[in-house]
Amino acid sequence: DYLNARVEKLQTSNLLLEQQVNELKPKATYYDMVL
């Protein structure tokens, strides 16, 4: 149960990291306007 919970937490963290990385891709164009 502990290992499954850790795996699920890690998967969620990876998905969040992926979204955050993808959100930062247009930084050069939208830095002032968005970020």
PDB file of all heavy atoms in Angstrom:
ATOM      1  N   ASP A   1       0.835  -1.204   0.000  1.00  0.00           N
ATOM      2  CA  ASP A   1       0.000   0.000   0.000  1.00  0.00           C
ATOM      3  C   ASP A   1       0.869   1.253   0.000  1.00  0.00           C
ATOM      4  O   ASP A   1       0.575   2.232  -0.697  1.00  0.00           O
ATOM      5  CB  ASP A   1      -0.930   0.017   1.222  1.00  0.00           C
ATOM      6  CG  ASP A   1      -2.035  -1.022   1.126  1.00  0.00           C
ATOM      7  OD1 ASP A   1      -2.278  -1.527   0.015  1.00  0.00           O
ATOM      8  OD2 ASP A   1      -2.645  -1.328   2.167  1.00  0.00           O
ATOM      9  N   TYR A   2       1.936   1.225   0.795  1.00  0.00           N
ATOM     10  CA  TYR A   2       2.851   2.369   0.866  1.00  0.00           C
ATOM     11  C   TYR A   2       3.537   2.596  -0.483  1.00  0.00           C
ATOM     12  O   TYR A   2       3.615   3.728  -0.967  1.00  0.00           O
ATOM     13  CB  TYR A   2       3.898   2.128   1.954  1.00  0.00           C
ATOM     14  CG  TYR A   2       4.995   3.162   1.985  1.00  0.00           C
ATOM     15  CD1 TYR A   2       4.787   4.412   2.563  1.00  0.00           C
ATOM     16  CD2 TYR A   2       6.249   2.897   1.423  1.00  0.00           C
ATOM     17  CE1 TYR A   2       5.793   5.374   2.584  1.00  0.00           C
ATOM     18  CE2 TYR A   2       7.257   3.853   1.439  1.00  0.00           C
ATOM     19  CZ  TYR A   2       7.025   5.083   2.029  1.00  0.00           C
ATOM     20  OH  TYR A   2       8.012   6.030   2.041  1.00  0.00           O
ATOM     21  N   LEU A   3       4.016   1.499  -1.091  1.00  0.00           N
ATOM     22  CA  LEU A   3       4.705   1.617  -2.377  1.00  0.00           C
ATOM     23  C   LEU A   3       3.761   2.121  -3.464  1.00  0.00           C
ATOM     24  O   LEU A   3       4.131   2.963  -4.285  1.00  0.00           O
ATOM     25  CB  LEU A   3       5.297   0.268  -2.785  1.00  0.00           C
ATOM     26  CG  LEU A   3       6.508  -0.203  -1.971  1.00  0.00           C
ATOM     27  CD1 LEU A   3       6.916  -1.617  -2.392  1.00  0.00           C
ATOM     28  CD2 LEU A   3       7.682   0.748  -2.145  1.00  0.00           C
ATOM     29  N   ASN A   4       2.518   1.611  -3.460  1.00  0.00           N
ATOM     30  CA  ASN A   4       1.538   2.057  -4.460  1.00  0.00           C
ATOM     31  C   ASN A   4       1.230   3.543  -4.299  1.00  0.00           C
ATOM     32  O   ASN A   4       1.076   4.263  -5.297  1.00  0.00           O
ATOM     33  CB  ASN A   4       0.254   1.234  -4.341  1.00  0.00           C
ATOM     34  CG  ASN A   4       0.431  -0.193  -4.826  1.00  0.00           C
ATOM     35  OD1 ASN A   4       1.309  -0.480  -5.639  1.00  0.00           O
ATOM     36  ND2 ASN A   4      -0.380  -1.102  -4.328  1.00  0.00           N
ATOM     37  N   ALA A   5       1.129   3.986  -3.055  1.00  0.00           N
ATOM     38  CA  ALA A   5       0.863   5.401  -2.798  1.00  0.00           C
ATOM     39  C   ALA A   5       2.029   6.257  -3.278  1.00  0.00           C
ATOM     40  O   ALA A   5       1.830   7.341  -3.843  1.00  0.00           O
ATOM     41  CB  ALA A   5       0.606   5.634  -1.309  1.00  0.00           C
ATOM     42  N   ARG A   6       3.254   5.778  -3.057  1.00  0.00           N
ATOM     43  CA  ARG A   6       4.438   6.520  -3.503  1.00  0.00           C
ATOM     44  C   ARG A   6       4.492   6.591  -5.022  1.00  0.00           C
ATOM     45  O   ARG A   6       4.832   7.630  -5.594  1.00  0.00           O
ATOM     46  CB  ARG A   6       5.702   5.841  -2.964  1.00  0.00           C
ATOM     47  CG  ARG A   6       5.879   5.927  -1.457  1.00  0.00           C
ATOM     48  CD  ARG A   6       6.239   7.314  -1.007  1.00  0.00           C
ATOM     49  NE  ARG A   6       7.542   7.725  -1.526  1.00  0.00           N
ATOM     50  CZ  ARG A   6       8.051   8.946  -1.357  1.00  0.00           C
ATOM     51  NH1 ARG A   6       7.352   9.865  -0.727  1.00  0.00           N
ATOM     52  NH2 ARG A   6       9.243   9.240  -1.843  1.00  0.00           N
ATOM     53  N   VAL A   7       4.166   5.460  -5.676  1.00  0.00           N
ATOM     54  CA  VAL A   7       4.187   5.430  -7.140  1.00  0.00           C
ATOM     55  C   VAL A   7       3.150   6.401  -7.696  1.00  0.00           C
ATOM     56  O   VAL A   7       3.421   7.155  -8.636  1.00  0.00           O
ATOM     57  CB  VAL A   7       3.912   3.999  -7.655  1.00  0.00           C
ATOM     58  CG1 VAL A   7       3.639   4.010  -9.155  1.00  0.00           C
ATOM     59  CG2 VAL A   7       5.107   3.098  -7.348  1.00  0.00           C
ATOM     60  N   GLU A   8       1.940   6.392  -7.107  1.00  0.00           N
ATOM     61  CA  GLU A   8       0.879   7.288  -7.572  1.00  0.00           C
ATOM     62  C   GLU A   8       1.287   8.753  -7.384  1.00  0.00           C
ATOM     63  O   GLU A   8       1.058   9.593  -8.259  1.00  0.00           O
ATOM     64  CB  GLU A   8      -0.417   7.010  -6.814  1.00  0.00           C
ATOM     65  CG  GLU A   8      -1.581   7.862  -7.283  1.00  0.00           C
ATOM     66  CD  GLU A   8      -2.873   7.512  -6.576  1.00  0.00           C
ATOM     67  OE1 GLU A   8      -2.888   6.527  -5.805  1.00  0.00           O
ATOM     68  OE2 GLU A   8      -3.869   8.235  -6.773  1.00  0.00           O
ATOM     69  N   LYS A   9       1.916   9.044  -6.243  1.00  0.00           N
ATOM     70  CA  LYS A   9       2.365  10.412  -5.980  1.00  0.00           C
ATOM     71  C   LYS A   9       3.439  10.829  -6.979  1.00  0.00           C
ATOM     72  O   LYS A   9       3.447  11.967  -7.471  1.00  0.00           O
ATOM     73  CB  LYS A   9       2.907  10.514  -4.553  1.00  0.00           C
ATOM     74  CG  LYS A   9       3.290  11.928  -4.130  1.00  0.00           C
ATOM     75  CD  LYS A   9       3.712  11.967  -2.677  1.00  0.00           C
ATOM     76  CE  LYS A   9       4.075  13.379  -2.242  1.00  0.00           C
ATOM     77  NZ  LYS A   9       4.495  13.438  -0.814  1.00  0.00           N
ATOM     78  N   LEU A  10       4.353   9.888  -7.287  1.00  0.00           N
ATOM     79  CA  LEU A  10       5.417  10.177  -8.242  1.00  0.00           C
ATOM     80  C   LEU A  10       4.852  10.415  -9.636  1.00  0.00           C
ATOM     81  O   LEU A  10       5.294  11.318 -10.356  1.00  0.00           O
ATOM     82  CB  LEU A  10       6.422   9.021  -8.274  1.00  0.00           C
ATOM     83  CG  LEU A  10       7.631   9.175  -9.193  1.00  0.00           C
ATOM     84  CD1 LEU A  10       8.446  10.405  -8.804  1.00  0.00           C
ATOM     85  CD2 LEU A  10       8.502   7.932  -9.157  1.00  0.00           C
ATOM     86  N   GLN A  11       3.857   9.595 -10.021  1.00  0.00           N
ATOM     87  CA  GLN A  11       3.243   9.760 -11.334  1.00  0.00           C
ATOM     88  C   GLN A  11       2.561  11.118 -11.447  1.00  0.00           C
ATOM     89  O   GLN A  11       2.668  11.794 -12.468  1.00  0.00           O
ATOM     90  CB  GLN A  11       2.236   8.631 -11.582  1.00  0.00           C
ATOM     91  CG  GLN A  11       2.883   7.276 -11.817  1.00  0.00           C
ATOM     92  CD  GLN A  11       1.857   6.162 -11.916  1.00  0.00           C
ATOM     93  OE1 GLN A  11       0.727   6.290 -11.431  1.00  0.00           O
ATOM     94  NE2 GLN A  11       2.230   5.062 -12.539  1.00  0.00           N
ATOM     95  N   THR A  12       1.870  11.506 -10.382  1.00  0.00           N
ATOM     96  CA  THR A  12       1.200  12.809 -10.375  1.00  0.00           C
ATOM     97  C   THR A  12       2.217  13.937 -10.464  1.00  0.00           C
ATOM     98  O   THR A  12       2.033  14.912 -11.198  1.00  0.00           O
ATOM     99  CB  THR A  12       0.354  12.977  -9.098  1.00  0.00           C
ATOM    100  OG1 THR A  12      -0.637  11.943  -9.050  1.00  0.00           O
ATOM    101  CG2 THR A  12      -0.339  14.327  -9.066  1.00  0.00           C
ATOM    102  N   SER A  13       3.334  13.785  -9.728  1.00  0.00           N
ATOM    103  CA  SER A  13       4.383  14.802  -9.764  1.00  0.00           C
ATOM    104  C   SER A  13       4.980  14.924 -11.156  1.00  0.00           C
ATOM    105  O   SER A  13       5.254  16.033 -11.642  1.00  0.00           O
ATOM    106  CB  SER A  13       5.484  14.462  -8.757  1.00  0.00           C
ATOM    107  OG  SER A  13       4.978  14.464  -7.433  1.00  0.00           O
ATOM    108  N   ASN A  14       5.169  13.778 -11.819  1.00  0.00           N
ATOM    109  CA  ASN A  14       5.734  13.799 -13.169  1.00  0.00           C
ATOM    110  C   ASN A  14       4.794  14.479 -14.157  1.00  0.00           C
ATOM    111  O   ASN A  14       5.226  15.226 -15.034  1.00  0.00           O
ATOM    112  CB  ASN A  14       6.044  12.373 -13.636  1.00  0.00           C
ATOM    113  CG  ASN A  14       7.247  11.775 -12.920  1.00  0.00           C
ATOM    114  OD1 ASN A  14       8.071  12.502 -12.372  1.00  0.00           O
ATOM    115  ND2 ASN A  14       7.342  10.459 -12.906  1.00  0.00           N
ATOM    116  N   LEU A  15       3.484  14.207 -13.998  1.00  0.00           N
ATOM    117  CA  LEU A  15       2.502  14.833 -14.880  1.00  0.00           C
ATOM    118  C   LEU A  15       2.463  16.342 -14.668  1.00  0.00           C
ATOM    119  O   LEU A  15       2.359  17.122 -15.615  1.00  0.00           O
ATOM    120  CB  LEU A  15       1.120  14.223 -14.640  1.00  0.00           C
ATOM    121  CG  LEU A  15       0.923  12.787 -15.150  1.00  0.00           C
ATOM    122  CD1 LEU A  15      -0.387  12.223 -14.630  1.00  0.00           C
ATOM    123  CD2 LEU A  15       0.952  12.749 -16.670  1.00  0.00           C
ATOM    124  N   LEU A  16       2.547  16.755 -13.402  1.00  0.00           N
ATOM    125  CA  LEU A  16       2.560  18.186 -13.089  1.00  0.00           C
ATOM    126  C   LEU A  16       3.808  18.851 -13.658  1.00  0.00           C
ATOM    127  O   LEU A  16       3.746  19.953 -14.199  1.00  0.00           O
ATOM    128  CB  LEU A  16       2.490  18.398 -11.575  1.00  0.00           C
ATOM    129  CG  LEU A  16       1.120  18.177 -10.934  1.00  0.00           C
ATOM    130  CD1 LEU A  16       1.246  18.176  -9.415  1.00  0.00           C
ATOM    131  CD2 LEU A  16       0.146  19.243 -11.375  1.00  0.00           C
ATOM    132  N   LEU A  17       4.949  18.148 -13.494  1.00  0.00           N
ATOM    133  CA  LEU A  17       6.201  18.696 -14.022  1.00  0.00           C
ATOM    134  C   LEU A  17       6.131  18.837 -15.530  1.00  0.00           C
ATOM    135  O   LEU A  17       6.562  19.854 -16.097  1.00  0.00           O
ATOM    136  CB  LEU A  17       7.365  17.780 -13.631  1.00  0.00           C
ATOM    137  CG  LEU A  17       8.754  18.198 -14.130  1.00  0.00           C
ATOM    138  CD1 LEU A  17       9.112  19.568 -13.572  1.00  0.00           C
ATOM    139  CD2 LEU A  17       9.800  17.166 -13.728  1.00  0.00           C
ATOM    140  N   GLU A  18       5.546  17.830 -16.189  1.00  0.00           N
ATOM    141  CA  GLU A  18       5.418  17.877 -17.650  1.00  0.00           C
ATOM    142  C   GLU A  18       4.557  19.071 -18.061  1.00  0.00           C
ATOM    143  O   GLU A  18       4.895  19.789 -19.005  1.00  0.00           O
ATOM    144  CB  GLU A  18       4.780  16.579 -18.157  1.00  0.00           C
ATOM    145  CG  GLU A  18       4.583  16.541 -19.669  1.00  0.00           C
ATOM    146  CD  GLU A  18       3.872  15.285 -20.131  1.00  0.00           C
ATOM    147  OE1 GLU A  18       3.676  14.371 -19.292  1.00  0.00           O
ATOM    148  OE2 GLU A  18       3.509  15.220 -21.315  1.00  0.00           O
ATOM    149  N   GLN A  19       3.440  19.287 -17.348  1.00  0.00           N
ATOM    150  CA  GLN A  19       2.581  20.414 -17.693  1.00  0.00           C
ATOM    151  C   GLN A  19       3.289  21.739 -17.445  1.00  0.00           C
ATOM    152  O   GLN A  19       3.214  22.663 -18.256  1.00  0.00           O
ATOM    153  CB  GLN A  19       1.272  20.369 -16.889  1.00  0.00           C
ATOM    154  CG  GLN A  19       0.398  21.603 -17.117  1.00  0.00           C
ATOM    155  CD  GLN A  19      -1.044  21.399 -16.730  1.00  0.00           C
ATOM    156  OE1 GLN A  19      -1.582  20.313 -16.867  1.00  0.00           O
ATOM    157  NE2 GLN A  19      -1.675  22.449 -16.243  1.00  0.00           N
ATOM    158  N   GLN A  20       4.012  21.835 -16.314  1.00  0.00           N
ATOM    159  CA  GLN A  20       4.712  23.079 -16.005  1.00  0.00           C
ATOM    160  C   GLN A  20       5.796  23.375 -17.040  1.00  0.00           C
ATOM    161  O   GLN A  20       5.993  24.531 -17.433  1.00  0.00           O
ATOM    162  CB  GLN A  20       5.303  23.007 -14.603  1.00  0.00           C
ATOM    163  CG  GLN A  20       4.228  23.069 -13.508  1.00  0.00           C
ATOM    164  CD  GLN A  20       4.799  22.820 -12.123  1.00  0.00           C
ATOM    165  OE1 GLN A  20       5.802  22.143 -11.973  1.00  0.00           O
ATOM    166  NE2 GLN A  20       4.148  23.370 -11.112  1.00  0.00           N
ATOM    167  N   VAL A  21       6.505  22.323 -17.492  1.00  0.00           N
ATOM    168  CA  VAL A  21       7.539  22.506 -18.517  1.00  0.00           C
ATOM    169  C   VAL A  21       6.900  22.983 -19.819  1.00  0.00           C
ATOM    170  O   VAL A  21       7.382  23.917 -20.471  1.00  0.00           O
ATOM    171  CB  VAL A  21       8.311  21.194 -18.743  1.00  0.00           C
ATOM    172  CG1 VAL A  21       9.180  21.290 -20.001  1.00  0.00           C
ATOM    173  CG2 VAL A  21       9.176  20.876 -17.532  1.00  0.00           C
ATOM    174  N   ASN A  22       5.784  22.330 -20.207  1.00  0.00           N
ATOM    175  CA  ASN A  22       5.114  22.711 -21.447  1.00  0.00           C
ATOM    176  C   ASN A  22       4.542  24.120 -21.368  1.00  0.00           C
ATOM    177  O   ASN A  22       4.504  24.846 -22.366  1.00  0.00           O
ATOM    178  CB  ASN A  22       3.995  21.722 -21.772  1.00  0.00           C
ATOM    179  CG  ASN A  22       4.538  20.391 -22.255  1.00  0.00           C
ATOM    180  OD1 ASN A  22       5.608  20.346 -22.852  1.00  0.00           O
ATOM    181  ND2 ASN A  22       3.817  19.314 -22.003  1.00  0.00           N
ATOM    182  N   GLU A  23       4.096  24.512 -20.187  1.00  0.00           N
ATOM    183  CA  GLU A  23       3.562  25.866 -20.006  1.00  0.00           C
ATOM    184  C   GLU A  23       4.650  26.925 -20.177  1.00  0.00           C
ATOM    185  O   GLU A  23       4.377  28.045 -20.601  1.00  0.00           O
ATOM    186  CB  GLU A  23       2.922  26.007 -18.626  1.00  0.00           C
ATOM    187  CG  GLU A  23       1.591  25.279 -18.488  1.00  0.00           C
ATOM    188  CD  GLU A  23       1.066  25.300 -17.066  1.00  0.00           C
ATOM    189  OE1 GLU A  23       1.847  25.628 -16.149  1.00  0.00           O
ATOM    190  OE2 GLU A  23      -0.114  24.980 -16.879  1.00  0.00           O
ATOM    191  N   LEU A  24       5.889  26.554 -19.836  1.00  0.00           N
ATOM    192  CA  LEU A  24       6.988  27.518 -19.911  1.00  0.00           C
ATOM    193  C   LEU A  24       7.613  27.598 -21.304  1.00  0.00           C
ATOM    194  O   LEU A  24       8.443  28.463 -21.563  1.00  0.00           O
ATOM    195  CB  LEU A  24       8.066  27.157 -18.897  1.00  0.00           C
ATOM    196  CG  LEU A  24       7.675  27.365 -17.425  1.00  0.00           C
ATOM    197  CD1 LEU A  24       8.761  26.829 -16.517  1.00  0.00           C
ATOM    198  CD2 LEU A  24       7.418  28.834 -17.134  1.00  0.00           C
ATOM    199  N   LYS A  25       7.212  26.709 -22.216  1.00  0.00           N
ATOM    200  CA  LYS A  25       7.801  26.703 -23.558  1.00  0.00           C
ATOM    201  C   LYS A  25       7.640  28.040 -24.287  1.00  0.00           C
ATOM    202  O   LYS A  25       8.576  28.501 -24.929  1.00  0.00           O
ATOM    203  CB  LYS A  25       7.204  25.563 -24.392  1.00  0.00           C
ATOM    204  CG  LYS A  25       7.761  24.198 -24.014  1.00  0.00           C
ATOM    205  CD  LYS A  25       7.141  23.108 -24.877  1.00  0.00           C
ATOM    206  CE  LYS A  25       7.712  21.745 -24.511  1.00  0.00           C
ATOM    207  NZ  LYS A  25       7.091  20.655 -25.308  1.00  0.00           N
ATOM    208  N   PRO A  26       6.467  28.684 -24.217  1.00  0.00           N
ATOM    209  CA  PRO A  26       6.328  29.948 -24.946  1.00  0.00           C
ATOM    210  C   PRO A  26       6.859  31.149 -24.178  1.00  0.00           C
ATOM    211  O   PRO A  26       6.439  32.264 -24.405  1.00  0.00           O
ATOM    212  CB  PRO A  26       4.802  30.061 -25.132  1.00  0.00           C
ATOM    213  CG  PRO A  26       4.254  29.385 -23.919  1.00  0.00           C
ATOM    214  CD  PRO A  26       5.195  28.250 -23.642  1.00  0.00           C
ATOM    215  N   LYS A  27       7.806  30.926 -23.263  1.00  0.00           N
ATOM    216  CA  LYS A  27       8.301  31.997 -22.403  1.00  0.00           C
ATOM    217  C   LYS A  27       8.819  33.199 -23.200  1.00  0.00           C
ATOM    218  O   LYS A  27       8.543  34.347 -22.856  1.00  0.00           O
ATOM    219  CB  LYS A  27       9.414  31.454 -21.507  1.00  0.00           C
ATOM    220  CG  LYS A  27      10.015  32.485 -20.560  1.00  0.00           C
ATOM    221  CD  LYS A  27      11.026  31.829 -19.638  1.00  0.00           C
ATOM    222  CE  LYS A  27      11.633  32.848 -18.685  1.00  0.00           C
ATOM    223  NZ  LYS A  27      12.616  32.240 -17.764  1.00  0.00           N
ATOM    224  N   ALA A  28       9.566  32.942 -24.265  1.00  0.00           N
ATOM    225  CA  ALA A  28      10.155  34.051 -25.021  1.00  0.00           C
ATOM    226  C   ALA A  28       9.087  34.966 -25.601  1.00  0.00           C
ATOM    227  O   ALA A  28       9.254  36.184 -25.682  1.00  0.00           O
ATOM    228  CB  ALA A  28      11.029  33.497 -26.145  1.00  0.00           C
ATOM    229  N   THR A  29       7.954  34.409 -26.008  1.00  0.00           N
ATOM    230  CA  THR A  29       6.894  35.190 -26.630  1.00  0.00           C
ATOM    231  C   THR A  29       5.963  35.827 -25.611  1.00  0.00           C
ATOM    232  O   THR A  29       5.513  36.960 -25.775  1.00  0.00           O
ATOM    233  CB  THR A  29       6.060  34.292 -27.570  1.00  0.00           C
ATOM    234  OG1 THR A  29       6.940  33.666 -28.496  1.00  0.00           O
ATOM    235  CG2 THR A  29       5.017  35.088 -28.329  1.00  0.00           C
ATOM    236  N   TYR A  30       5.686  35.096 -24.527  1.00  0.00           N
ATOM    237  CA  TYR A  30       4.652  35.547 -23.598  1.00  0.00           C
ATOM    238  C   TYR A  30       5.184  35.875 -22.200  1.00  0.00           C
ATOM    239  O   TYR A  30       4.423  35.942 -21.251  1.00  0.00           O
ATOM    240  CB  TYR A  30       3.571  34.457 -23.462  1.00  0.00           C
ATOM    241  CG  TYR A  30       2.876  34.141 -24.760  1.00  0.00           C
ATOM    242  CD1 TYR A  30       3.087  32.910 -25.383  1.00  0.00           C
ATOM    243  CD2 TYR A  30       2.037  35.056 -25.356  1.00  0.00           C
ATOM    244  CE1 TYR A  30       2.456  32.603 -26.570  1.00  0.00           C
ATOM    245  CE2 TYR A  30       1.399  34.755 -26.542  1.00  0.00           C
ATOM    246  CZ  TYR A  30       1.609  33.536 -27.152  1.00  0.00           C
ATOM    247  OH  TYR A  30       0.991  33.249 -28.339  1.00  0.00           O
ATOM    248  N   TYR A  31       6.457  36.068 -22.066  1.00  0.00           N
ATOM    249  CA  TYR A  31       7.025  36.277 -20.735  1.00  0.00           C
ATOM    250  C   TYR A  31       6.369  37.451 -20.016  1.00  0.00           C
ATOM    251  O   TYR A  31       5.863  37.303 -18.907  1.00  0.00           O
ATOM    252  CB  TYR A  31       8.540  36.505 -20.826  1.00  0.00           C
ATOM    253  CG  TYR A  31       9.189  36.627 -19.474  1.00  0.00           C
ATOM    254  CD1 TYR A  31       9.572  35.498 -18.775  1.00  0.00           C
ATOM    255  CD2 TYR A  31       9.388  37.878 -18.881  1.00  0.00           C
ATOM    256  CE1 TYR A  31      10.149  35.600 -17.530  1.00  0.00           C
ATOM    257  CE2 TYR A  31       9.962  37.987 -17.633  1.00  0.00           C
ATOM    258  CZ  TYR A  31      10.339  36.844 -16.966  1.00  0.00           C
ATOM    259  OH  TYR A  31      10.907  36.957 -15.720  1.00  0.00           O
ATOM    260  N   ASP A  32       6.380  38.608 -20.634  1.00  0.00           N
ATOM    261  CA  ASP A  32       5.798  39.784 -19.981  1.00  0.00           C
ATOM    262  C   ASP A  32       4.276  39.694 -19.897  1.00  0.00           C
ATOM    263  O   ASP A  32       3.672  40.063 -18.891  1.00  0.00           O
ATOM    264  CB  ASP A  32       6.189  41.062 -20.732  1.00  0.00           C
ATOM    265  CG  ASP A  32       7.685  41.354 -20.587  1.00  0.00           C
ATOM    266  OD1 ASP A  32       8.244  40.991 -19.533  1.00  0.00           O
ATOM    267  OD2 ASP A  32       8.263  41.942 -21.512  1.00  0.00           O
ATOM    268  N   MET A  33       3.662  39.194 -20.962  1.00  0.00           N
ATOM    269  CA  MET A  33       2.211  39.199 -21.037  1.00  0.00           C
ATOM    270  C   MET A  33       1.567  38.119 -20.174  1.00  0.00           C
ATOM    271  O   MET A  33       0.509  38.323 -19.591  1.00  0.00           O
ATOM    272  CB  MET A  33       1.759  39.000 -22.490  1.00  0.00           C
ATOM    273  CG  MET A  33       0.250  39.095 -22.691  1.00  0.00           C
ATOM    274  SD  MET A  33      -0.214  38.923 -24.424  1.00  0.00           S
ATOM    275  CE  MET A  33       0.146  37.187 -24.694  1.00  0.00           C
ATOM    276  N   VAL A  34       2.218  36.950 -20.080  1.00  0.00           N
ATOM    277  CA  VAL A  34       1.616  35.808 -19.392  1.00  0.00           C
ATOM    278  C   VAL A  34       2.258  35.547 -18.040  1.00  0.00           C
ATOM    279  O   VAL A  34       1.614  35.617 -17.000  1.00  0.00           O
ATOM    280  CB  VAL A  34       1.685  34.533 -20.261  1.00  0.00           C
ATOM    281  CG1 VAL A  34       1.095  33.354 -19.525  1.00  0.00           C
ATOM    282  CG2 VAL A  34       0.950  34.763 -21.576  1.00  0.00           C
ATOM    283  N   LEU A  35       3.567  35.264 -18.049  1.00  0.00           N
ATOM    284  CA  LEU A  35       4.211  34.875 -16.803  1.00  0.00           C
ATOM    285  C   LEU A  35       4.195  36.001 -15.773  1.00  0.00           C
ATOM    286  O   LEU A  35       4.106  35.745 -14.570  1.00  0.00           O
ATOM    287  CB  LEU A  35       5.655  34.434 -17.068  1.00  0.00           C
ATOM    288  CG  LEU A  35       5.817  33.218 -17.982  1.00  0.00           C
ATOM    289  CD1 LEU A  35       7.278  32.841 -18.087  1.00  0.00           C
ATOM    290  CD2 LEU A  35       5.010  32.043 -17.461  1.00  0.00           C
TER     291      LEU A  35
END
